[in-house]
Amino acid sequence: MKDVAELHEEAMELVDRMLLARLRGDAEAVVWARQAFERERQVADLIEQRFDLEPTRSVLHRSAAALAIDCGEIEEARRLIEAGLAGYPPAGIEKELQGLLRSGSKG
């Protein structure tokens, strides 16, 4: 099984591809976004109960939730946000997670 760092790195490479595709107006951006979301969700799920890994744990949940919203996966984003908030996120990350929760609720 791939480790957390390797999966996260893959997700970020896919985000870069997604952003470049969007800049070009390439419809393939949706594919890259979905793949990035799947990888980052795996990472978040792997460390969901690792409260000793804060703030990394909550940052990765924020990242996965933002990608979920981008992919229209609002319920999954909500789950990831709640999991991120269940730990001990720093105040700034907690605020960002709550902002994502509000923005996901509007979508």
N, C-alpha and C. Protein backbone atom coordinates (compact mmCIF):
# COMPACT_ATOMS: atom_id res chain seq x y z
N MET A 1 0.85 -1.19 0.00
CA MET A 1 0.00 0.00 0.00
C MET A 1 0.89 1.25 0.00
N LYS A 2 0.45 2.24 -0.73
CA LYS A 2 1.20 3.49 -0.79
C LYS A 2 1.10 4.21 0.55
N ASP A 3 2.14 4.96 0.87
CA ASP A 3 2.10 5.69 2.12
C ASP A 3 1.47 7.07 1.93
N VAL A 4 1.22 7.72 3.03
CA VAL A 4 0.53 9.01 3.05
C VAL A 4 1.26 10.04 2.20
N ALA A 5 2.56 10.17 2.39
CA ALA A 5 3.32 11.18 1.66
C ALA A 5 3.27 10.95 0.15
N GLU A 6 3.38 9.70 -0.25
CA GLU A 6 3.36 9.37 -1.68
C GLU A 6 1.99 9.68 -2.30
N LEU A 7 0.92 9.30 -1.62
CA LEU A 7 -0.43 9.59 -2.11
C LEU A 7 -0.68 11.09 -2.19
N HIS A 8 -0.24 11.82 -1.16
CA HIS A 8 -0.44 13.27 -1.15
C HIS A 8 0.34 13.92 -2.30
N GLU A 9 1.56 13.48 -2.52
CA GLU A 9 2.36 14.02 -3.62
C GLU A 9 1.67 13.76 -4.95
N GLU A 10 1.13 12.56 -5.13
CA GLU A 10 0.39 12.25 -6.36
C GLU A 10 -0.81 13.18 -6.51
N ALA A 11 -1.52 13.40 -5.41
CA ALA A 11 -2.69 14.29 -5.46
C ALA A 11 -2.29 15.69 -5.89
N MET A 12 -1.20 16.20 -5.35
CA MET A 12 -0.76 17.55 -5.68
C MET A 12 -0.29 17.65 -7.14
N GLU A 13 0.32 16.60 -7.65
CA GLU A 13 0.71 16.58 -9.06
C GLU A 13 -0.55 16.61 -9.95
N LEU A 14 -1.57 15.89 -9.52
CA LEU A 14 -2.83 15.89 -10.27
C LEU A 14 -3.52 17.26 -10.20
N VAL A 15 -3.42 17.92 -9.06
CA VAL A 15 -3.97 19.28 -8.94
C VAL A 15 -3.24 20.21 -9.91
N ASP A 16 -1.92 20.10 -10.00
CA ASP A 16 -1.17 20.91 -10.96
C ASP A 16 -1.65 20.67 -12.39
N ARG A 17 -1.86 19.40 -12.74
CA ARG A 17 -2.38 19.07 -14.08
C ARG A 17 -3.75 19.68 -14.29
N MET A 18 -4.59 19.59 -13.25
CA MET A 18 -5.94 20.14 -13.33
C MET A 18 -5.88 21.65 -13.58
N LEU A 19 -5.05 22.35 -12.83
CA LEU A 19 -4.95 23.81 -12.97
C LEU A 19 -4.45 24.20 -14.35
N LEU A 20 -3.47 23.49 -14.86
CA LEU A 20 -2.97 23.77 -16.21
C LEU A 20 -4.05 23.51 -17.25
N ALA A 21 -4.78 22.42 -17.09
CA ALA A 21 -5.85 22.10 -18.03
C ALA A 21 -6.93 23.18 -17.99
N ARG A 22 -7.25 23.67 -16.81
CA ARG A 22 -8.25 24.74 -16.70
C ARG A 22 -7.79 26.01 -17.39
N LEU A 23 -6.51 26.33 -17.22
CA LEU A 23 -5.97 27.52 -17.88
C LEU A 23 -6.06 27.42 -19.39
N ARG A 24 -5.91 26.21 -19.90
CA ARG A 24 -6.00 25.97 -21.35
C ARG A 24 -7.44 25.81 -21.81
N GLY A 25 -8.37 25.74 -20.88
CA GLY A 25 -9.76 25.50 -21.25
C GLY A 25 -10.02 24.07 -21.65
N ASP A 26 -9.17 23.18 -21.19
CA ASP A 26 -9.25 21.76 -21.53
C ASP A 26 -10.26 21.06 -20.62
N ALA A 27 -11.20 20.37 -21.23
CA ALA A 27 -12.24 19.65 -20.46
C ALA A 27 -11.66 18.53 -19.61
N GLU A 28 -10.43 18.12 -19.91
CA GLU A 28 -9.79 17.05 -19.15
C GLU A 28 -9.51 17.48 -17.70
N ALA A 29 -9.64 18.76 -17.41
CA ALA A 29 -9.43 19.26 -16.05
C ALA A 29 -10.33 18.53 -15.06
N VAL A 30 -11.51 18.16 -15.49
CA VAL A 30 -12.46 17.45 -14.62
C VAL A 30 -11.90 16.08 -14.23
N VAL A 31 -11.25 15.42 -15.15
CA VAL A 31 -10.66 14.11 -14.88
C VAL A 31 -9.54 14.25 -13.86
N TRP A 32 -8.67 15.25 -14.04
CA TRP A 32 -7.56 15.46 -13.10
C TRP A 32 -8.10 15.83 -11.72
N ALA A 33 -9.15 16.64 -11.67
CA ALA A 33 -9.73 17.03 -10.39
C ALA A 33 -10.27 15.81 -9.65
N ARG A 34 -10.96 14.96 -10.35
CA ARG A 34 -11.53 13.75 -9.74
C ARG A 34 -10.42 12.84 -9.21
N GLN A 35 -9.37 12.65 -9.99
CA GLN A 35 -8.27 11.80 -9.56
C GLN A 35 -7.54 12.40 -8.36
N ALA A 36 -7.35 13.71 -8.36
CA ALA A 36 -6.71 14.38 -7.22
C ALA A 36 -7.56 14.21 -5.98
N PHE A 37 -8.86 14.39 -6.12
CA PHE A 37 -9.77 14.22 -5.00
C PHE A 37 -9.69 12.80 -4.43
N GLU A 38 -9.71 11.81 -5.29
CA GLU A 38 -9.66 10.42 -4.83
C GLU A 38 -8.38 10.15 -4.04
N ARG A 39 -7.25 10.64 -4.53
CA ARG A 39 -5.99 10.42 -3.82
C ARG A 39 -5.99 11.13 -2.46
N GLU A 40 -6.42 12.40 -2.47
CA GLU A 40 -6.37 13.17 -1.23
C GLU A 40 -7.37 12.62 -0.21
N ARG A 41 -8.49 12.10 -0.69
CA ARG A 41 -9.45 11.47 0.22
C ARG A 41 -8.82 10.23 0.86
N GLN A 42 -8.09 9.45 0.07
CA GLN A 42 -7.39 8.28 0.63
C GLN A 42 -6.44 8.71 1.75
N VAL A 43 -5.69 9.77 1.49
CA VAL A 43 -4.74 10.27 2.49
C VAL A 43 -5.48 10.66 3.77
N ALA A 44 -6.53 11.44 3.62
CA ALA A 44 -7.30 11.90 4.78
C ALA A 44 -7.86 10.71 5.56
N ASP A 45 -8.38 9.73 4.84
CA ASP A 45 -8.94 8.56 5.50
C ASP A 45 -7.88 7.75 6.24
N LEU A 46 -6.68 7.69 5.67
CA LEU A 46 -5.60 6.93 6.30
C LEU A 46 -5.19 7.53 7.65
N ILE A 47 -5.29 8.84 7.78
CA ILE A 47 -4.83 9.48 9.02
C ILE A 47 -5.97 10.08 9.84
N GLU A 48 -7.19 9.71 9.52
CA GLU A 48 -8.35 10.31 10.19
C GLU A 48 -8.27 10.22 11.71
N GLN A 49 -7.82 9.11 12.24
CA GLN A 49 -7.76 8.93 13.70
C GLN A 49 -6.39 9.27 14.29
N ARG A 50 -5.48 9.79 13.49
CA ARG A 50 -4.13 10.13 13.95
C ARG A 50 -4.08 11.57 14.45
N PHE A 51 -4.72 11.81 15.59
CA PHE A 51 -4.79 13.16 16.16
C PHE A 51 -3.41 13.69 16.56
N ASP A 52 -2.46 12.78 16.71
CA ASP A 52 -1.09 13.18 17.03
C ASP A 52 -0.39 13.84 15.85
N LEU A 53 -1.00 13.79 14.67
CA LEU A 53 -0.39 14.36 13.47
C LEU A 53 -0.87 15.77 13.15
N GLU A 54 -1.58 16.40 14.08
CA GLU A 54 -2.00 17.78 13.85
C GLU A 54 -0.76 18.67 13.79
N PRO A 55 -0.74 19.67 12.94
CA PRO A 55 -1.83 20.17 12.10
C PRO A 55 -1.92 19.50 10.73
N THR A 56 -0.98 18.62 10.42
CA THR A 56 -1.00 17.96 9.11
C THR A 56 -2.33 17.27 8.84
N ARG A 57 -2.86 16.61 9.85
CA ARG A 57 -4.11 15.86 9.71
C ARG A 57 -5.25 16.78 9.24
N SER A 58 -5.44 17.89 9.90
CA SER A 58 -6.55 18.79 9.55
C SER A 58 -6.29 19.50 8.22
N VAL A 59 -5.03 19.80 7.92
CA VAL A 59 -4.69 20.43 6.63
C VAL A 59 -5.05 19.48 5.49
N LEU A 60 -4.74 18.21 5.64
CA LEU A 60 -5.06 17.24 4.58
C LEU A 60 -6.56 17.04 4.44
N HIS A 61 -7.29 17.09 5.54
CA HIS A 61 -8.75 17.00 5.46
C HIS A 61 -9.32 18.23 4.75
N ARG A 62 -8.75 19.39 5.03
CA ARG A 62 -9.19 20.62 4.34
C ARG A 62 -8.96 20.49 2.85
N SER A 63 -7.78 20.01 2.46
CA SER A 63 -7.45 19.85 1.06
C SER A 63 -8.41 18.87 0.37
N ALA A 64 -8.64 17.74 1.00
CA ALA A 64 -9.55 16.73 0.44
C ALA A 64 -10.97 17.29 0.33
N ALA A 65 -11.40 18.03 1.33
CA ALA A 65 -12.76 18.61 1.31
C ALA A 65 -12.89 19.64 0.19
N ALA A 66 -11.87 20.47 0.00
CA ALA A 66 -11.93 21.47 -1.07
C ALA A 66 -12.01 20.79 -2.43
N LEU A 67 -11.26 19.73 -2.62
CA LEU A 67 -11.32 18.98 -3.87
C LEU A 67 -12.68 18.30 -4.04
N ALA A 68 -13.24 17.81 -2.94
CA ALA A 68 -14.57 17.19 -3.00
C ALA A 68 -15.61 18.21 -3.47
N ILE A 69 -15.55 19.41 -2.92
CA ILE A 69 -16.48 20.47 -3.33
C ILE A 69 -16.29 20.78 -4.80
N ASP A 70 -15.04 20.86 -5.23
CA ASP A 70 -14.72 21.14 -6.62
C ASP A 70 -15.32 20.08 -7.54
N CYS A 71 -15.40 18.85 -7.06
CA CYS A 71 -15.95 17.74 -7.85
C CYS A 71 -17.46 17.57 -7.65
N GLY A 72 -18.06 18.43 -6.86
CA GLY A 72 -19.50 18.33 -6.62
C GLY A 72 -19.89 17.27 -5.61
N GLU A 73 -18.92 16.78 -4.86
CA GLU A 73 -19.16 15.73 -3.85
C GLU A 73 -19.41 16.39 -2.49
N ILE A 74 -20.56 17.03 -2.37
CA ILE A 74 -20.85 17.86 -1.19
C ILE A 74 -20.97 17.03 0.08
N GLU A 75 -21.63 15.91 0.03
CA GLU A 75 -21.76 15.08 1.23
C GLU A 75 -20.40 14.55 1.69
N GLU A 76 -19.57 14.18 0.73
CA GLU A 76 -18.23 13.70 1.07
C GLU A 76 -17.39 14.84 1.63
N ALA A 77 -17.55 16.02 1.07
CA ALA A 77 -16.84 17.19 1.60
C ALA A 77 -17.26 17.44 3.05
N ARG A 78 -18.54 17.35 3.30
CA ARG A 78 -19.05 17.56 4.67
C ARG A 78 -18.44 16.54 5.64
N ARG A 79 -18.35 15.30 5.21
CA ARG A 79 -17.77 14.25 6.05
C ARG A 79 -16.31 14.55 6.35
N LEU A 80 -15.57 14.95 5.32
CA LEU A 80 -14.16 15.26 5.49
C LEU A 80 -13.95 16.47 6.39
N ILE A 81 -14.79 17.47 6.25
CA ILE A 81 -14.70 18.67 7.08
C ILE A 81 -14.96 18.31 8.54
N GLU A 82 -16.01 17.55 8.76
CA GLU A 82 -16.34 17.15 10.14
C GLU A 82 -15.22 16.32 10.75
N ALA A 83 -14.61 15.46 9.95
CA ALA A 83 -13.48 14.67 10.45
C ALA A 83 -12.30 15.58 10.78
N GLY A 84 -12.05 16.58 9.94
CA GLY A 84 -10.97 17.52 10.20
C GLY A 84 -11.21 18.33 11.45
N LEU A 85 -12.45 18.72 11.66
CA LEU A 85 -12.80 19.50 12.85
C LEU A 85 -12.80 18.66 14.12
N ALA A 86 -12.93 17.34 13.96
CA ALA A 86 -12.96 16.45 15.13
C ALA A 86 -11.60 16.35 15.81
N GLY A 87 -10.56 16.73 15.12
CA GLY A 87 -9.22 16.72 15.71
C GLY A 87 -8.97 18.00 16.47
N TYR A 88 -7.75 18.45 16.39
CA TYR A 88 -7.33 19.66 17.09
C TYR A 88 -6.67 20.61 16.09
N PRO A 89 -7.46 21.08 15.11
CA PRO A 89 -6.86 21.94 14.09
C PRO A 89 -6.47 23.29 14.68
N PRO A 90 -5.39 23.88 14.15
CA PRO A 90 -5.05 25.23 14.55
C PRO A 90 -6.21 26.16 14.18
N ALA A 91 -6.30 27.28 14.84
CA ALA A 91 -7.43 28.21 14.65
C ALA A 91 -7.64 28.58 13.18
N GLY A 92 -6.57 28.86 12.47
CA GLY A 92 -6.71 29.25 11.06
C GLY A 92 -7.27 28.14 10.20
N ILE A 93 -6.83 26.94 10.43
CA ILE A 93 -7.33 25.78 9.66
C ILE A 93 -8.77 25.50 10.05
N GLU A 94 -9.08 25.60 11.33
CA GLU A 94 -10.46 25.41 11.78
C GLU A 94 -11.38 26.40 11.08
N LYS A 95 -10.95 27.65 10.99
CA LYS A 95 -11.76 28.68 10.32
C LYS A 95 -11.94 28.34 8.83
N GLU A 96 -10.87 27.86 8.19
CA GLU A 96 -10.97 27.48 6.78
C GLU A 96 -11.91 26.29 6.59
N LEU A 97 -11.83 25.31 7.47
CA LEU A 97 -12.74 24.16 7.40
C LEU A 97 -14.19 24.60 7.56
N GLN A 98 -14.44 25.49 8.50
CA GLN A 98 -15.81 26.00 8.70
C GLN A 98 -16.28 26.79 7.48
N GLY A 99 -15.36 27.55 6.87
CA GLY A 99 -15.71 28.28 5.65
C GLY A 99 -16.05 27.34 4.51
N LEU A 100 -15.31 26.25 4.40
CA LEU A 100 -15.62 25.24 3.38
C LEU A 100 -16.98 24.62 3.63
N LEU A 101 -17.28 24.37 4.90
CA LEU A 101 -18.57 23.80 5.25
C LEU A 101 -19.70 24.72 4.80
N ARG A 102 -19.52 26.02 5.04
CA ARG A 102 -20.54 27.00 4.59
C ARG A 102 -20.62 27.06 3.08
N SER A 103 -19.49 27.09 2.41
CA SER A 103 -19.52 27.19 0.95
C SER A 103 -20.08 25.91 0.32
N GLY A 104 -19.78 24.76 0.92
CA GLY A 104 -20.34 23.50 0.42
C GLY A 104 -21.83 23.42 0.62
N SER A 105 -22.33 24.04 1.67
CA SER A 105 -23.77 24.03 1.94
C SER A 105 -24.54 24.87 0.93
N LYS A 106 -23.88 25.86 0.35
CA LYS A 106 -24.53 26.72 -0.63
C LYS A 106 -24.65 26.06 -2.00
N GLY A 107 -23.72 25.08 -2.25
CA GLY A 107 -23.67 24.46 -3.57
C GLY A 107 -24.70 23.49 -3.76
